[in-house]
Each structure stands twice: as C-alpha cells, then as structure tokens.
Amino acid sequence: MAKQVESGKVVQAARSSIPLTVKSFTLPHETEVYLEEILALFLQELGQGRLKDPLAYCLRELAVNAKKANTKRVYFKEKGLDILVSDQYQEGMRNFKQETLDNINHYLDLQKEDGLYIKVIFHTKGGRLNLYVCNNTEITRHEQIRVFDRIARSRAFDSLEEALATVIDDTEGAGLGIVILVLMLKKIGLDEDAFDIDVKNGETVARIVVPMEQVKADNLDMISEKLVQEIDSLPSFPEAIVSLQKKITEPDAEFTEIARMVSADPALTAELLKVVNSAAFMLPKRVDNIMEAVKLVGFRGLTRLLYAYGAQKILGSESKETKTLWEHSYRTAFYAYNLARNVSKNKELLDDVYVGGILHDMGKIIFASTHPEMINRIEMFCRDKGIPTELFEDLSGGLNHAEIGGRIATKWNFPEALVSAIEYHHHPSDCPVEHRDVVYTVYLANVLSDPKHQEFDFDQFDTDVMAQFNIRSHDQLNAIRKRLEARFSQEQDPARNR
C-alpha cells in the first residue's frame, strides 16, 4: 500500500526550515511517487510549482543512481571482487548491468540485509531549497571522476536534443542521465554549480541547490526590512531596567544598591525570586530575601535576566497564543540550563543559555503580541507594493522568524551571544564559532521541548549538535527528553515551592 503524504507536516517543514527525510532500502515505484509528491508540496510552498517536472526528473535520476551504487556494492561482494582494484572493477562491470537486471529482487534483498539505504532530504535554508540524495556506500574516486567528466561534457550541449543525439557511454549510472540532469538545471536557469556530489560521514551525498524565485525572495526581504523598521513603534526598554543595567556595569556597583533597585519593581522582584527558586538552581530551601537572590544569580546573571524581563514587558503576554509561546520559551530555557549544567557541565554557559531559551522565539512572539497596529501597517505595506498576502502569512507562520528575532535583538543592543541564540536556533551550524556552545545548547533545548520534534526522524536533527552532546540515536534523545520533562514537572509542582 502506497504511503500517504502528510501535507501539513511537509508544509511545516518547508516553513520552519526543518529537514524532512525519506529513507528506503529498495526504492520501489511507490516511494518514487511519494518523493515527487513531497517535492511538489515544497515547491508550491516556495512559490516554485513550475519547477516540479524538471526537478522531479533530477531527483529520480539521483535516487536511482544511489540505488544502483548500492546494488553494485552487493554484486561485487557476492562475486568476491574488490571494487577499488582496477582490473577487478573492469571484470565486475562486464556483466553487472545484465545480471542485476535479470535478478534484481535478489540483489535488492542483499542490499536490505546489508543495511544499504537511499535517503532523500528536503530542506529549505537561507532562501534555497536543498535536495540531498544520500546512500551509505562511499563513491569511489574513479566513479566521482566519471560524474565530473559527464558534467564537463554537458557544457558542450545547448539542448537535451543535442545530448541525446550524441553517443555517450551509458554502461554505468553516471552516464547520459547526469548530462541530462545538468541540462535540466540549465533549462530552469541554474548552472552546473547547483549540483554537487561528494562523500560525508560515510555517505555519498548528491545535492541540488534551488534558489527561491527571485521575486519572492526580494519581497520577503522587503517585508523583513519593513518589519524591522516598524520595531521603532514598539516601546523602548523600561527606564528602570536601563538604569539598573547601567548600574550593574559600574566598577563600584554593590549588591545592596542593586538589590534596592530591583526591589523597587515588584514584578522584577517576583521574576528574580521565581528564577532563583526554580528547580534549575536546586537550592535546599526557598529564598525570599532579594539581597540573597541577587548574590545567587550574580551581576552577570541578573543582567541577562533583565533582557528577558524587558522583552516580555514590551512584547506582552496577554493573548492566548502569546502565553503559549512564552510557556514554550520558559520550558526551553529550563531545558537549556539543565543541558549546560548536567550534560555539557559548563557553568560559563548557564546565564546565556537560560536567557537565550527564554528569548529564542522572540520573532514569533512579535506576530502574536499585543501590537496589532504594527501588523496592520505591514499588511497595508504589502497591499501597496502588490506583494501577495501569503508571503506575509509565511513570515507570521514561522518563515524567517529567527532572523527577524535576531535583528530585533540587535536593535535592542542585546549581547552578541543572545543575538546568536535567537537568530540561529534553527540553523546552529551557521552561527559564529565563538557562540557555538550557546547556540547548540538552545537548539537542542528547543528540539527537546517542542512536541512536534518527537515526530521527526533522527537524521533530521543537526548532526554537529548531536555529536557535541554525544547523542547517537532517537532512543538517547528521548531518554534525555523524559528526564528533563520530569524535572520540569517537578518545578511546576506547587507543593515543592510551599
């Protein structure tokens, strides 16, 4: 029975820049159809539906080549031939095509027994759709040279007809199909640099990069710029917070004076005591003295807390949607703090990852906040410029919210580590190296705290982050999630804080 495409999951992946992975051992026809349906949904979401047919050909060509590469490995293994030895390679290739075609089910069964798979990944990132076709047999240098030779040959042709009329050796997977693939990319305005094939982490990875339709990319940039301009309509940080931040940075700042200034703001006092008495601090008894609380969090921790407190004061928390986002943010902050304390065991990260967790979805909260006049002005801007309303809906639905949040944080003079935690929490590998520990921790905390991530395959998560935290499987990830959920539930238990 053919697998049904979950269109909601595909659209969510496209909008939220979450990799969507399909894995197969034998790549039956129904899986090829399934992949094309997913591709169509991604392209539709990105406003590039017209590219479906040529890209579907490219995707199918690469997937079939990946399956052939796996078949070749099990064929050579069964024949007792070494694929890396030139004369044995030539001997094996003499009958490979005919023998495998005559008994394909046998060789597909061998591939499955050996755990050889084909994996296709769809990932929107930085205004591009990345299509990855991977198989877990490494392409040999000889095979890779053949592919690059076919790409070079494609430069001589201006049309598919020319290529088809030219005799090209097609005894292997990297033959005429690759030439046609490159010409297909040319036909839709992409050059040969849009395609690449290489080895990474034991896999052969073929990648096609498809830039967004330029008009849509330009319009999204226009909306983003307009949104950032509209931030001027938001209030500045409360004067009391700005004064307190300045006081903390003075060389002769004293705990007594800082505690007095904090006490002048009952809401800030309550927030500080809430943080100090949370399960994250693991104190033996409840702290109700503001002086003691300030000493416990320290000046640096208090400074970071003020950014979160000020942002929440400005963005509001009255609507149901906004409250839900803040609840997720505080859960993410708790998870991030615990990951830094108990997994990374890096106390230097504690303040930054906690506040980074609180503020990571600031871009989303802008859209759900109690500032409808700002949203109305942006909608009017879109109408005046003739920009389709669905583009604005893409932004409010999640597309680019991390980038927008980062730009707002920069405008409000947040520390660079917090800006990075906000801006790169969906793309941790793109963040500045000096902030990687903070961003990786907030990324993982967000993955663990957001229920929708439980439906993803392990391959969809950032491999560098998983490696840094020594997480090698979904089972390990779930075990960490359950421990953090239990600790968070304990913190929410009113009996604990009586």
Protein backbone atom coordinates (compact mmCIF):
# COMPACT_ATOMS: atom_id res chain seq x y z
CA MET A 1 0.00 0.00 0.00
CA ALA A 2 1.40 3.39 -1.03
CA LYS A 3 2.36 5.72 1.79
CA GLN A 4 0.24 8.87 2.05
CA VAL A 5 1.95 12.24 2.14
CA GLU A 6 1.15 14.23 5.29
CA SER A 7 0.80 17.63 3.64
CA GLY A 8 0.64 19.51 6.96
CA LYS A 9 3.94 18.02 8.08
CA VAL A 10 5.56 18.89 4.72
CA VAL A 11 4.33 22.49 4.81
CA GLN A 12 5.51 22.85 8.43
CA ALA A 13 8.94 21.55 7.44
CA ALA A 14 9.15 23.96 4.49
CA ARG A 15 8.06 26.96 6.55
CA SER A 16 10.13 26.20 9.63
CA SER A 17 13.29 25.19 7.77
CA ILE A 18 13.20 21.71 9.28
CA PRO A 19 14.80 18.94 7.19
CA LEU A 20 12.32 16.32 6.01
CA THR A 21 13.86 12.88 5.40
CA VAL A 22 12.61 9.84 3.47
CA LYS A 23 14.61 6.63 3.75
CA SER A 24 14.29 3.44 1.70
CA PHE A 25 16.30 0.24 1.24
CA THR A 26 14.88 -0.73 -2.16
CA LEU A 27 13.27 2.45 -3.58
CA PRO A 28 10.10 0.86 -5.02
CA HIS A 29 7.99 2.80 -7.51
CA GLU A 30 5.51 3.94 -4.86
CA THR A 31 8.36 5.56 -2.92
CA GLU A 32 9.44 7.43 -6.06
CA VAL A 33 5.86 8.74 -6.41
CA TYR A 34 5.83 9.65 -2.71
CA LEU A 35 9.05 11.67 -3.14
CA GLU A 36 7.61 13.55 -6.11
CA GLU A 37 4.51 14.47 -4.10
CA ILE A 38 6.68 15.86 -1.29
CA LEU A 39 8.78 17.80 -3.82
CA ALA A 40 5.61 19.29 -5.32
CA LEU A 41 4.42 20.47 -1.88
CA PHE A 42 7.79 22.05 -1.06
CA LEU A 43 7.92 23.87 -4.40
CA GLN A 44 4.31 25.00 -4.03
CA GLU A 45 5.08 26.40 -0.57
CA LEU A 46 8.11 28.24 -2.00
CA GLY A 47 6.17 29.63 -4.95
CA GLN A 48 8.07 27.49 -7.48
CA GLY A 49 5.48 24.99 -8.62
CA ARG A 50 6.61 25.38 -12.24
CA LEU A 51 9.90 23.67 -11.37
CA LYS A 52 8.24 20.41 -10.35
CA ASP A 53 8.72 18.36 -13.54
CA PRO A 54 12.40 19.13 -14.25
CA LEU A 55 13.38 18.77 -10.58
CA ALA A 56 11.36 15.56 -10.26
CA TYR A 57 13.48 14.14 -13.10
CA CYS A 58 16.69 15.21 -11.32
CA LEU A 59 15.53 13.76 -8.01
CA ARG A 60 14.54 10.47 -9.62
CA GLU A 61 17.85 10.25 -11.53
CA LEU A 62 19.91 10.74 -8.37
CA ALA A 63 17.80 8.32 -6.32
CA VAL A 64 18.04 5.61 -8.97
CA ASN A 65 21.80 6.16 -9.26
CA ALA A 66 22.10 5.81 -5.47
CA LYS A 67 20.19 2.52 -5.61
CA LYS A 68 22.44 1.32 -8.47
CA ALA A 69 25.52 2.21 -6.41
CA ASN A 70 24.25 0.07 -3.53
CA THR A 71 23.40 -2.76 -5.93
CA LYS A 72 26.91 -2.58 -7.37
CA ARG A 73 28.40 -2.99 -3.88
CA VAL A 74 26.46 -6.14 -3.04
CA TYR A 75 27.06 -7.54 -6.56
CA PHE A 76 30.84 -7.09 -6.22
CA LYS A 77 30.71 -8.54 -2.72
CA GLU A 78 28.85 -11.65 -3.90
CA LYS A 79 31.34 -12.10 -6.76
CA GLY A 80 34.29 -11.73 -4.40
CA LEU A 81 35.63 -8.74 -6.35
CA ASP A 82 37.29 -5.62 -4.93
CA ILE A 83 35.66 -2.51 -6.39
CA LEU A 84 38.79 -0.46 -5.63
CA VAL A 85 41.13 -2.68 -7.70
CA SER A 86 41.13 -1.57 -11.34
CA ASP A 87 41.21 -4.93 -13.13
CA GLN A 88 38.65 -6.45 -10.74
CA TYR A 89 36.43 -3.40 -11.25
CA GLN A 90 36.58 -3.88 -15.03
CA GLU A 91 35.80 -7.60 -14.65
CA GLY A 92 32.79 -6.92 -12.44
CA MET A 93 31.36 -4.22 -14.67
CA ARG A 94 31.34 -6.52 -17.74
CA ASN A 95 28.25 -8.39 -16.58
CA PHE A 96 26.96 -6.16 -13.76
CA LYS A 97 24.16 -4.47 -15.68
CA GLN A 98 22.67 -7.58 -17.29
CA GLU A 99 23.00 -9.90 -14.29
CA THR A 100 21.47 -7.43 -11.83
CA LEU A 101 18.60 -6.62 -14.21
CA ASP A 102 17.86 -10.33 -14.65
CA ASN A 103 17.80 -10.95 -10.88
CA ILE A 104 17.08 -7.52 -9.39
CA ASN A 105 14.94 -8.75 -6.46
CA HIS A 106 17.80 -10.94 -5.24
CA TYR A 107 20.20 -8.01 -5.20
CA LEU A 108 17.66 -5.69 -3.58
CA ASP A 109 17.23 -8.28 -0.82
CA LEU A 110 21.01 -8.34 -0.36
CA GLN A 111 21.06 -4.54 -0.07
CA LYS A 112 18.42 -4.64 2.64
CA GLU A 113 20.26 -7.41 4.51
CA ASP A 114 23.46 -5.32 4.43
CA GLY A 115 21.59 -2.22 5.64
CA LEU A 116 22.32 -0.25 2.47
CA TYR A 117 19.81 2.58 2.13
CA ILE A 118 18.83 5.52 -0.04
CA LYS A 119 17.96 8.67 1.91
CA VAL A 120 16.35 11.78 0.41
CA ILE A 121 16.32 15.03 2.39
CA PHE A 122 14.28 18.15 1.59
CA HIS A 123 15.47 21.26 3.41
CA THR A 124 14.65 24.94 2.94
CA LYS A 125 17.51 27.11 4.18
CA GLY A 126 18.64 30.67 3.54
CA GLY A 127 16.16 31.26 0.73
CA ARG A 128 17.07 27.98 -1.01
CA LEU A 129 15.60 24.52 -1.37
CA ASN A 130 18.31 21.91 -0.82
CA LEU A 131 17.66 18.42 -2.17
CA TYR A 132 20.01 15.75 -0.84
CA VAL A 133 20.13 12.18 -2.11
CA CYS A 134 22.37 10.02 0.08
CA ASN A 135 23.40 6.37 0.12
CA ASN A 136 25.63 4.72 2.68
CA THR A 137 28.22 3.36 0.25
CA GLU A 138 31.04 5.78 -0.49
CA ILE A 139 31.54 6.74 -4.11
CA THR A 140 34.99 5.72 -5.34
CA ARG A 141 37.39 8.27 -6.77
CA HIS A 142 37.03 6.61 -10.19
CA GLU A 143 33.24 6.90 -10.06
CA GLN A 144 33.38 10.51 -8.93
CA ILE A 145 35.72 11.40 -11.81
CA ARG A 146 33.20 9.85 -14.22
CA VAL A 147 30.45 12.06 -12.78
CA PHE A 148 32.55 15.22 -13.08
CA ASP A 149 33.51 14.18 -16.64
CA ARG A 150 29.80 13.97 -17.56
CA ILE A 151 29.20 17.39 -16.01
CA ALA A 152 32.08 18.81 -18.07
CA ARG A 153 30.69 17.19 -21.23
CA SER A 154 27.31 18.78 -20.63
CA ARG A 155 28.87 22.21 -21.26
CA ALA A 156 29.15 21.31 -24.94
CA PHE A 157 25.38 20.98 -25.33
CA ASP A 158 22.79 23.71 -25.58
CA SER A 159 19.78 21.40 -25.55
CA LEU A 160 18.60 17.97 -24.50
CA GLU A 161 18.23 17.04 -28.14
CA GLU A 162 21.93 17.61 -28.77
CA ALA A 163 22.87 15.44 -25.82
CA LEU A 164 20.55 12.61 -26.89
CA ALA A 165 21.93 12.71 -30.43
CA THR A 166 25.50 12.27 -29.15
CA VAL A 167 26.81 8.81 -28.39
CA ILE A 168 27.77 8.68 -24.73
CA ASP A 169 28.86 5.57 -22.87
CA ASP A 170 25.97 4.66 -20.56
CA THR A 171 27.29 1.43 -19.07
CA GLU A 172 27.23 2.96 -15.60
CA GLY A 173 24.88 5.19 -13.62
CA ALA A 174 26.98 8.31 -14.19
CA GLY A 175 26.32 8.40 -17.92
CA LEU A 176 23.78 10.19 -20.07
CA GLY A 177 21.47 10.67 -17.06
CA ILE A 178 23.87 13.08 -15.36
CA VAL A 179 24.29 15.07 -18.58
CA ILE A 180 20.51 15.40 -18.91
CA LEU A 181 20.27 16.35 -15.21
CA VAL A 182 22.69 19.24 -15.71
CA LEU A 183 20.84 20.34 -18.84
CA MET A 184 17.55 20.20 -16.91
CA LEU A 185 19.07 22.54 -14.33
CA LYS A 186 20.20 24.87 -17.13
CA LYS A 187 16.69 24.84 -18.55
CA ILE A 188 15.29 26.29 -15.29
CA GLY A 189 18.02 28.93 -15.03
CA LEU A 190 20.53 27.12 -12.79
CA ASP A 191 24.16 26.46 -13.68
CA GLU A 192 26.18 23.31 -13.02
CA ASP A 193 27.26 24.67 -9.63
CA ALA A 194 23.72 23.93 -8.42
CA PHE A 195 24.68 20.23 -8.44
CA ASP A 196 27.41 18.52 -6.45
CA ILE A 197 28.34 15.03 -5.28
CA ASP A 198 30.76 14.14 -2.51
CA VAL A 199 31.37 11.87 0.48
CA LYS A 200 30.42 12.94 4.02
CA ASN A 201 30.33 10.84 7.19
CA GLY A 202 30.42 7.55 5.30
CA GLU A 203 27.67 8.52 2.85
CA THR A 204 27.72 9.56 -0.78
CA VAL A 205 25.76 12.81 -0.85
CA ALA A 206 24.40 14.27 -4.10
CA ARG A 207 22.96 17.75 -3.63
CA ILE A 208 20.91 20.11 -5.78
CA VAL A 209 20.51 23.71 -4.57
CA VAL A 210 17.47 25.60 -5.86
CA PRO A 211 17.33 29.33 -5.07
CA MET A 212 13.90 30.77 -4.36
CA GLU A 213 12.19 32.54 -7.21
CA GLN A 214 13.92 35.91 -7.15
CA VAL A 215 10.73 37.96 -6.95
CA LYS A 216 9.58 36.09 -3.88
CA ALA A 217 12.99 36.38 -2.23
CA ASP A 218 13.02 40.13 -2.88
CA ASN A 219 9.51 40.51 -1.49
CA LEU A 220 10.37 38.58 1.66
CA ASP A 221 13.39 40.81 2.16
CA MET A 222 11.16 43.89 1.70
CA ILE A 223 8.71 42.62 4.31
CA SER A 224 11.53 41.77 6.72
CA GLU A 225 13.02 45.24 6.31
CA LYS A 226 9.64 46.86 6.82
CA LEU A 227 9.06 44.77 9.94
CA VAL A 228 12.39 45.82 11.43
CA GLN A 229 11.57 49.47 10.66
CA GLU A 230 8.26 49.04 12.44
CA ILE A 231 10.11 47.99 15.60
CA ASP A 232 10.57 51.73 16.13
CA SER A 233 6.89 51.80 17.01
CA LEU A 234 7.50 49.46 19.95
CA PRO A 235 8.34 50.99 23.31
CA SER A 236 11.95 51.21 24.40
CA PHE A 237 13.12 49.13 27.32
CA PRO A 238 11.58 50.45 30.57
CA GLU A 239 13.73 53.23 32.01
CA ALA A 240 14.08 51.44 35.35
CA ILE A 241 15.61 48.41 33.60
CA VAL A 242 18.02 50.53 31.56
CA SER A 243 19.14 52.34 34.73
CA LEU A 244 19.60 49.06 36.55
CA GLN A 245 21.66 47.60 33.66
CA LYS A 246 23.92 50.66 33.68
CA LYS A 247 24.33 50.49 37.45
CA ILE A 248 25.37 46.83 37.29
CA THR A 249 28.18 47.66 34.82
CA GLU A 250 29.71 50.32 37.11
CA PRO A 251 33.06 49.20 38.64
CA ASP A 252 31.96 50.08 42.18
CA ALA A 253 28.47 48.51 41.94
CA GLU A 254 27.39 46.97 45.24
CA PHE A 255 24.90 44.20 45.95
CA THR A 256 22.96 46.35 48.44
CA GLU A 257 22.32 49.12 45.89
CA ILE A 258 21.39 46.67 43.14
CA ALA A 259 19.04 44.79 45.47
CA ARG A 260 17.37 48.07 46.42
CA MET A 261 16.79 48.97 42.75
CA VAL A 262 15.39 45.51 41.99
CA SER A 263 13.04 45.76 44.99
CA ALA A 264 11.58 48.97 43.55
CA ASP A 265 9.99 46.91 40.76
CA PRO A 266 7.64 44.32 42.33
CA ALA A 267 7.24 42.41 39.04
CA LEU A 268 11.01 42.17 38.55
CA THR A 269 11.41 41.10 42.18
CA ALA A 270 8.87 38.33 41.67
CA GLU A 271 10.58 37.20 38.44
CA LEU A 272 14.01 37.11 40.09
CA LEU A 273 12.72 35.09 43.06
CA LYS A 274 10.91 32.73 40.65
CA VAL A 275 14.17 32.03 38.78
CA VAL A 276 16.28 31.58 41.91
CA ASN A 277 13.73 29.22 43.47
CA SER A 278 13.28 27.19 40.29
CA ALA A 279 14.45 23.58 40.11
CA ALA A 280 17.30 24.79 37.88
CA PHE A 281 19.12 26.26 40.90
CA MET A 282 18.47 23.16 43.05
CA LEU A 283 18.58 25.10 46.33
CA PRO A 284 18.00 23.22 49.59
CA LYS A 285 15.42 25.80 50.77
CA ARG A 286 13.29 28.58 49.36
CA VAL A 287 14.90 32.05 49.08
CA ASP A 288 12.67 35.05 49.81
CA ASN A 289 15.36 37.66 50.51
CA ILE A 290 16.07 39.81 47.46
CA MET A 291 19.65 40.53 48.56
CA GLU A 292 20.39 36.83 48.81
CA ALA A 293 18.74 36.25 45.43
CA VAL A 294 20.89 38.91 43.73
CA LYS A 295 24.03 37.36 45.20
CA LEU A 296 22.99 33.90 44.00
CA VAL A 297 22.39 34.90 40.36
CA GLY A 298 25.31 37.36 40.32
CA PHE A 299 25.56 40.59 38.34
CA ARG A 300 26.03 38.76 35.02
CA GLY A 301 23.04 36.52 35.59
CA LEU A 302 20.90 39.46 36.66
CA THR A 303 21.93 41.42 33.55
CA ARG A 304 20.80 38.54 31.32
CA LEU A 305 17.56 38.18 33.26
CA LEU A 306 16.82 41.86 32.63
CA TYR A 307 16.88 41.32 28.85
CA ALA A 308 14.26 38.59 29.15
CA TYR A 309 12.17 40.58 31.62
CA GLY A 310 12.29 43.73 29.46
CA ALA A 311 11.41 41.86 26.27
CA GLN A 312 8.39 40.26 27.92
CA LYS A 313 7.26 43.65 29.27
CA ILE A 314 7.45 45.14 25.75
CA LEU A 315 6.03 42.23 23.76
CA GLY A 316 3.29 41.41 26.24
CA SER A 317 1.81 38.09 27.32
CA GLU A 318 -1.93 38.64 27.38
CA SER A 319 -3.19 36.78 24.31
CA LYS A 320 -3.64 33.00 24.41
CA GLU A 321 -1.15 32.48 21.56
CA THR A 322 1.46 34.70 23.18
CA LYS A 323 1.07 32.93 26.54
CA THR A 324 1.60 29.58 24.79
CA LEU A 325 4.79 30.86 23.13
CA TRP A 326 6.15 32.21 26.43
CA GLU A 327 5.35 28.90 28.16
CA HIS A 328 7.33 27.05 25.48
CA SER A 329 10.14 29.58 25.83
CA TYR A 330 10.44 29.12 29.59
CA ARG A 331 10.42 25.34 29.18
CA THR A 332 13.19 25.70 26.57
CA ALA A 333 15.15 27.92 28.97
CA PHE A 334 14.84 25.34 31.75
CA TYR A 335 15.98 22.53 29.41
CA ALA A 336 18.90 24.63 28.12
CA TYR A 337 20.06 25.46 31.66
CA ASN A 338 19.97 21.80 32.65
CA LEU A 339 21.78 20.69 29.49
CA ALA A 340 24.57 23.17 30.20
CA ARG A 341 24.76 22.25 33.87
CA ASN A 342 24.39 18.46 33.77
CA VAL A 343 25.42 17.39 30.24
CA SER A 344 27.94 19.96 29.00
CA LYS A 345 28.93 20.71 32.61
CA ASN A 346 29.89 24.23 31.54
CA LYS A 347 28.85 26.75 34.18
CA GLU A 348 30.02 29.62 31.99
CA LEU A 349 27.06 28.95 29.69
CA LEU A 350 24.31 28.88 32.31
CA ASP A 351 23.17 32.51 32.16
CA ASP A 352 23.38 32.85 28.37
CA VAL A 353 21.59 29.60 27.52
CA TYR A 354 18.83 30.25 30.07
CA VAL A 355 18.00 33.68 28.70
CA GLY A 356 18.65 32.51 25.13
CA GLY A 357 15.99 29.85 25.70
CA ILE A 358 13.52 32.43 27.00
CA LEU A 359 14.07 34.74 24.02
CA HIS A 360 14.71 32.30 21.15
CA ASP A 361 11.19 32.68 19.70
CA MET A 362 11.08 36.47 20.07
CA GLY A 363 10.43 36.82 16.31
CA LYS A 364 7.31 34.65 16.57
CA ILE A 365 6.14 36.50 19.67
CA ILE A 366 6.25 39.78 17.72
CA PHE A 367 3.46 38.44 15.49
CA ALA A 368 1.41 37.12 18.40
CA SER A 369 1.98 40.14 20.64
CA THR A 370 -0.45 42.86 21.59
CA HIS A 371 0.68 45.31 18.89
CA PRO A 372 -1.93 44.89 16.14
CA GLU A 373 -1.31 48.42 14.82
CA MET A 374 2.22 47.41 13.77
CA ILE A 375 0.96 44.27 11.99
CA ASN A 376 -1.78 46.31 10.27
CA ARG A 377 0.81 48.77 8.91
CA ILE A 378 2.87 45.91 7.47
CA GLU A 379 -0.23 44.38 5.84
CA MET A 380 -1.01 47.77 4.27
CA PHE A 381 2.60 47.97 3.06
CA CYS A 382 2.19 44.58 1.34
CA ARG A 383 -1.01 45.69 -0.37
CA ASP A 384 0.56 48.96 -1.54
CA LYS A 385 3.55 47.10 -3.01
CA GLY A 386 1.39 44.43 -4.60
CA ILE A 387 3.01 41.71 -2.50
CA PRO A 388 0.79 38.60 -2.12
CA THR A 389 -0.67 38.31 1.37
CA GLU A 390 0.50 34.69 1.66
CA LEU A 391 4.11 35.94 1.82
CA PHE A 392 3.30 37.91 4.95
CA GLU A 393 1.49 34.85 6.28
CA ASP A 394 4.68 32.84 5.63
CA LEU A 395 6.55 35.21 7.90
CA SER A 396 3.94 35.16 10.64
CA GLY A 397 3.70 31.36 10.33
CA GLY A 398 7.35 30.91 11.12
CA LEU A 399 9.41 31.60 7.99
CA ASN A 400 12.36 33.87 8.88
CA HIS A 401 11.15 34.41 12.46
CA ALA A 402 14.60 33.53 13.82
CA GLU A 403 16.32 36.08 11.58
CA ILE A 404 13.76 38.74 12.47
CA GLY A 405 14.13 37.98 16.17
CA GLY A 406 17.91 38.33 15.82
CA ARG A 407 17.59 41.70 14.11
CA ILE A 408 15.25 42.97 16.82
CA ALA A 409 17.68 41.75 19.49
CA THR A 410 20.49 43.62 17.74
CA LYS A 411 18.36 46.76 17.63
CA TRP A 412 17.76 46.48 21.37
CA ASN A 413 21.52 46.10 21.98
CA PHE A 414 21.37 42.55 23.31
CA PRO A 415 24.74 40.82 23.91
CA GLU A 416 26.07 39.04 20.82
CA ALA A 417 25.70 35.58 22.37
CA LEU A 418 21.96 36.19 22.91
CA VAL A 419 21.54 37.57 19.40
CA SER A 420 23.12 34.39 18.02
CA ALA A 421 20.95 32.15 20.21
CA ILE A 422 17.86 33.84 18.76
CA GLU A 423 18.99 34.15 15.15
CA TYR A 424 20.50 30.67 14.70
CA HIS A 425 18.32 28.44 16.86
CA HIS A 426 17.09 26.66 13.71
CA HIS A 427 20.46 26.78 11.88
CA PRO A 428 23.08 26.19 14.59
CA SER A 429 25.84 25.27 12.14
CA ASP A 430 25.67 28.78 10.62
CA CYS A 431 26.34 30.64 13.88
CA PRO A 432 29.63 32.41 14.73
CA VAL A 433 32.16 29.94 16.15
CA GLU A 434 32.58 31.88 19.39
CA HIS A 435 28.86 31.46 20.21
CA ARG A 436 28.51 27.84 19.10
CA ASP A 437 28.20 26.35 22.60
CA VAL A 438 25.34 28.69 23.48
CA VAL A 439 23.52 28.25 20.16
CA TYR A 440 23.94 24.45 20.13
CA THR A 441 22.51 24.22 23.64
CA VAL A 442 19.48 26.41 22.84
CA TYR A 443 18.90 24.48 19.59
CA LEU A 444 18.88 21.14 21.42
CA ALA A 445 16.68 22.51 24.22
CA ASN A 446 14.17 23.73 21.63
CA VAL A 447 14.19 20.31 19.92
CA LEU A 448 13.58 18.58 23.25
CA SER A 449 10.89 20.96 24.50
CA ASP A 450 8.78 21.21 21.32
CA PRO A 451 6.42 18.20 20.97
CA LYS A 452 6.36 18.39 17.15
CA HIS A 453 10.04 17.40 17.04
CA GLN A 454 9.15 13.99 18.50
CA GLU A 455 7.68 13.05 15.12
CA PHE A 456 10.93 13.72 13.24
CA ASP A 457 13.49 11.14 12.17
CA PHE A 458 16.83 11.32 13.98
CA ASP A 459 18.51 12.24 10.68
CA GLN A 460 16.51 15.48 10.59
CA PHE A 461 18.38 16.94 13.56
CA ASP A 462 21.64 18.84 13.22
CA THR A 463 24.40 16.22 13.20
CA ASP A 464 27.05 18.54 14.69
CA VAL A 465 24.83 19.33 17.69
CA MET A 466 24.02 15.67 18.25
CA ALA A 467 27.72 14.81 18.08
CA GLN A 468 28.67 17.54 20.55
CA PHE A 469 26.20 16.16 23.09
CA ASN A 470 27.17 12.54 22.27
CA ILE A 471 23.63 11.71 21.16
CA ARG A 472 23.67 8.91 18.59
CA SER A 473 20.07 7.74 18.38
CA HIS A 474 16.43 8.67 18.86
CA ASP A 475 16.37 6.49 21.98
CA GLN A 476 19.12 8.57 23.61
CA LEU A 477 17.33 11.78 22.63
CA ASN A 478 14.06 10.54 24.10
CA ALA A 479 15.78 9.46 27.32
CA ILE A 480 17.15 12.99 27.80
CA ARG A 481 13.74 14.46 26.99
CA LYS A 482 12.00 12.30 29.59
CA ARG A 483 14.49 13.27 32.30
CA LEU A 484 14.05 16.97 31.53
CA GLU A 485 10.25 16.65 31.38
CA ALA A 486 10.27 15.02 34.82
CA ARG A 487 12.45 17.77 36.29
CA PHE A 488 10.34 20.49 34.70
CA SER A 489 7.14 18.92 36.03
CA GLN A 490 8.73 18.80 39.47
CA GLU A 491 9.42 22.53 39.24
CA GLN A 492 5.80 23.20 38.33
CA ASP A 493 4.58 21.24 41.35
CA PRO A 494 3.27 23.85 43.79
CA ALA A 495 3.97 21.52 46.75
CA ARG A 496 7.68 21.79 46.07
CA ASN A 497 7.72 25.57 46.47
CA ARG A 498 5.50 25.91 49.52
